[in-house]
């Protein structure tokens, strides 16, 4: 796997996966609502500079989170869609208290398509199977 580092800070790393032509976003450490919003804005900034139709959004390295989906989150997804995102594979944090309510919302998001997973391998395989229209 050939990853090109695009952005790195204490709790977020964004790389471009040249083999799969997608962004790999690796979240680390503690995240609350504010830190998550800041991270999402960074992801959007990267998307606008380097559009990708797919994102592998890996939360498996988050040690603690108090995040939940809000209307801001849904608006952010629409901005990501406008920037070119079509598929987002979201690997949940090991401890994610809002999982059930998030699953209930995620199933209704159409653009971009968002799918949630418990592990990297399953998310990776799902994302590889998604075809981007030309």
Foldseek 3Di string as FASTA:
>chain_A
DDWAWDDDDDFWTWTADPVQQEIEIEGAEEEEAVNVVVVLVVVLVVLLVPNGQEYEAEDQRYPYYPDDDDVVNVVSLVSNLVSRHAEYEAADYPDDPRVVVRVVVLVPDVRRNYDYDPDRVVSVVVRSPDDDDD
